[in-house]
Amino acid sequence: MAFHIIVIDDDLALQEFYRLLLEGEGYKVTLLSPFAASPGSITALHPNLIILDLLLGGKQSGWPILHALTTAPQTAALPILLATALPVAAFVPEWKKFVQTHNIPVLFKPFDVDALLALIRSLLSDSLPLFSDSFYNETES
């Protein structure tokens, strides 16, 4: 049985990229509109991993989705990978701490495809995420 990955991103071209890439790697992929992303709707799909963008509709509206997914009992244990073009400097300290506390890897766009696939494999194998601590230690200029 293939691992099931849900992609929550508002960029249709990027959704198609994820679908083609991940299906080519043998994963089952569901593209989910940010407007339909709730713990209940995601639980019904039985995913193994969620890839979430933080900049949705030009706003940082991925944060409420992330918070809902990590705090709802039915989705709190699901691994989440943040893939975002949001610059590190835009991560306010409380969100940096939230991401670190929940051990959520962040992949910044544009990203390397091999890095994406390595993170996915790592998250699906229950090993520690392969992201750099430099994200958490960066100072804002």
Protein backbone atom coordinates (compact mmCIF):
# COMPACT_ATOMS: atom_id res chain seq x y z
CA MET A 1 0.00 0.00 0.00
CA ALA A 2 1.41 3.39 -1.01
CA PHE A 3 1.91 6.18 1.46
CA HIS A 4 -0.73 8.90 1.09
CA ILE A 5 0.42 12.54 0.97
CA ILE A 6 -1.91 15.53 1.12
CA VAL A 7 -0.65 18.74 -0.48
CA ILE A 8 -2.21 22.01 0.67
CA ASP A 9 -1.09 24.80 -1.65
CA ASP A 10 -3.02 27.45 -3.56
CA ASP A 11 -0.65 27.50 -6.55
CA LEU A 12 -2.21 25.20 -9.17
CA ALA A 13 1.03 24.78 -11.13
CA LEU A 14 2.88 23.81 -7.96
CA GLN A 15 0.09 21.40 -7.00
CA GLU A 16 0.49 19.70 -10.37
CA PHE A 17 4.27 19.57 -9.90
CA TYR A 18 3.83 17.86 -6.52
CA ARG A 19 1.29 15.44 -7.96
CA LEU A 20 3.49 14.40 -10.90
CA LEU A 21 6.66 14.17 -8.82
CA LEU A 22 5.18 12.29 -5.88
CA GLU A 23 3.03 9.92 -7.93
CA GLY A 24 6.16 9.19 -9.98
CA GLU A 25 7.83 8.20 -6.69
CA GLY A 26 4.98 5.81 -5.90
CA TYR A 27 3.00 7.92 -3.44
CA LYS A 28 -0.75 8.44 -3.47
CA VAL A 29 -1.36 12.21 -3.66
CA THR A 30 -4.40 14.29 -2.77
CA LEU A 31 -4.40 17.98 -3.65
CA LEU A 32 -6.47 19.86 -1.12
CA SER A 33 -7.68 23.42 -1.33
CA PRO A 34 -6.66 25.55 1.65
CA PHE A 35 -10.35 26.36 2.05
CA ALA A 36 -11.17 22.67 2.52
CA ALA A 37 -8.28 21.93 4.87
CA SER A 38 -9.62 21.12 8.31
CA PRO A 39 -8.68 18.38 10.76
CA GLY A 40 -11.96 16.59 10.00
CA SER A 41 -11.58 16.68 6.22
CA ILE A 42 -7.97 15.55 6.46
CA THR A 43 -8.73 12.72 8.89
CA ALA A 44 -11.34 11.36 6.47
CA LEU A 45 -8.62 11.03 3.79
CA HIS A 46 -6.28 8.93 6.02
CA PRO A 47 -3.00 10.57 4.99
CA ASN A 48 0.48 9.64 6.14
CA LEU A 49 1.94 13.12 5.56
CA ILE A 50 0.82 16.69 4.87
CA ILE A 51 2.78 19.20 2.80
CA LEU A 52 1.55 22.68 3.70
CA ASP A 53 2.32 26.08 2.21
CA LEU A 54 2.20 29.04 4.58
CA LEU A 55 1.58 31.76 1.99
CA LEU A 56 -1.91 31.10 0.73
CA GLY A 57 -3.65 33.74 -1.35
CA GLY A 58 -0.72 36.09 -0.80
CA LYS A 59 -1.26 36.05 2.95
CA GLN A 60 0.18 34.00 5.78
CA SER A 61 -3.06 32.05 6.07
CA GLY A 62 -1.27 28.71 6.38
CA TRP A 63 -0.51 29.44 10.05
CA PRO A 64 -4.10 28.88 11.26
CA ILE A 65 -4.23 25.64 9.29
CA LEU A 66 -0.95 24.50 10.83
CA HIS A 67 -2.16 25.39 14.31
CA ALA A 68 -5.46 23.55 13.79
CA LEU A 69 -3.73 20.44 12.47
CA THR A 70 -1.16 20.27 15.26
CA THR A 71 -3.66 20.84 18.06
CA ALA A 72 -6.63 18.73 16.91
CA PRO A 73 -6.46 15.26 18.49
CA GLN A 74 -7.29 13.50 15.21
CA THR A 75 -4.41 15.13 13.26
CA ALA A 76 -1.85 16.06 15.95
CA ALA A 77 0.31 13.00 15.27
CA LEU A 78 0.41 13.45 11.48
CA PRO A 79 3.78 14.55 10.14
CA ILE A 80 3.68 17.95 8.44
CA LEU A 81 6.24 19.44 6.10
CA LEU A 82 6.10 23.19 5.56
CA ALA A 83 7.14 24.17 2.05
CA THR A 84 7.02 27.92 1.76
CA ALA A 85 8.35 31.00 0.03
CA LEU A 86 7.81 32.94 3.25
CA PRO A 87 11.24 34.33 4.19
CA VAL A 88 12.81 33.34 7.49
CA ALA A 89 12.63 36.97 8.65
CA ALA A 90 8.81 36.78 8.40
CA PHE A 91 8.68 34.00 11.00
CA VAL A 92 7.86 35.82 14.21
CA PRO A 93 9.55 34.34 17.31
CA GLU A 94 6.40 32.59 18.57
CA TRP A 95 5.91 30.83 15.23
CA LYS A 96 9.57 29.82 15.07
CA LYS A 97 9.18 28.36 18.56
CA PHE A 98 5.92 26.63 17.58
CA VAL A 99 7.55 24.99 14.55
CA GLN A 100 10.56 23.93 16.59
CA THR A 101 8.47 22.61 19.50
CA HIS A 102 6.37 20.52 17.13
CA ASN A 103 9.47 19.35 15.23
CA ILE A 104 8.06 20.52 11.90
CA PRO A 105 10.61 20.72 9.10
CA VAL A 106 10.58 23.80 6.87
CA LEU A 107 11.63 23.67 3.23
CA PHE A 108 12.03 27.08 1.64
CA LYS A 109 10.97 27.67 -1.96
CA PRO A 110 12.50 27.39 -4.39
CA PHE A 111 13.66 24.04 -3.05
CA ASP A 112 15.82 21.24 -4.30
CA VAL A 113 13.72 18.26 -5.41
CA ASP A 114 16.16 15.80 -3.85
CA ALA A 115 15.89 17.66 -0.52
CA LEU A 116 12.09 17.48 -0.74
CA LEU A 117 12.13 13.75 -1.42
CA ALA A 118 14.67 13.12 1.35
CA LEU A 119 12.50 14.98 3.85
CA ILE A 120 9.43 13.06 2.77
CA ARG A 121 11.22 9.71 3.11
CA SER A 122 12.52 10.76 6.51
CA LEU A 123 9.11 11.84 7.78
CA LEU A 124 7.42 8.70 6.50
CA SER A 125 10.02 6.45 8.09
CA ASP A 126 9.43 7.98 11.54
CA SER A 127 13.03 9.11 11.78
CA LEU A 128 14.04 12.60 12.77
CA PRO A 129 13.43 15.22 10.09
CA LEU A 130 16.45 16.17 8.04
CA PHE A 131 16.31 19.92 8.40
CA SER A 132 18.97 22.31 9.49
CA ASP A 133 19.03 23.89 12.91
CA SER A 134 20.20 27.05 11.16
CA PHE A 135 16.55 27.98 10.57
CA TYR A 136 15.99 28.20 14.30
CA ASN A 137 19.24 30.01 15.00
CA GLU A 138 19.03 32.66 12.28
CA THR A 139 19.07 36.21 13.41
CA GLU A 140 16.92 38.73 11.66
CA SER A 141 18.81 41.56 10.01
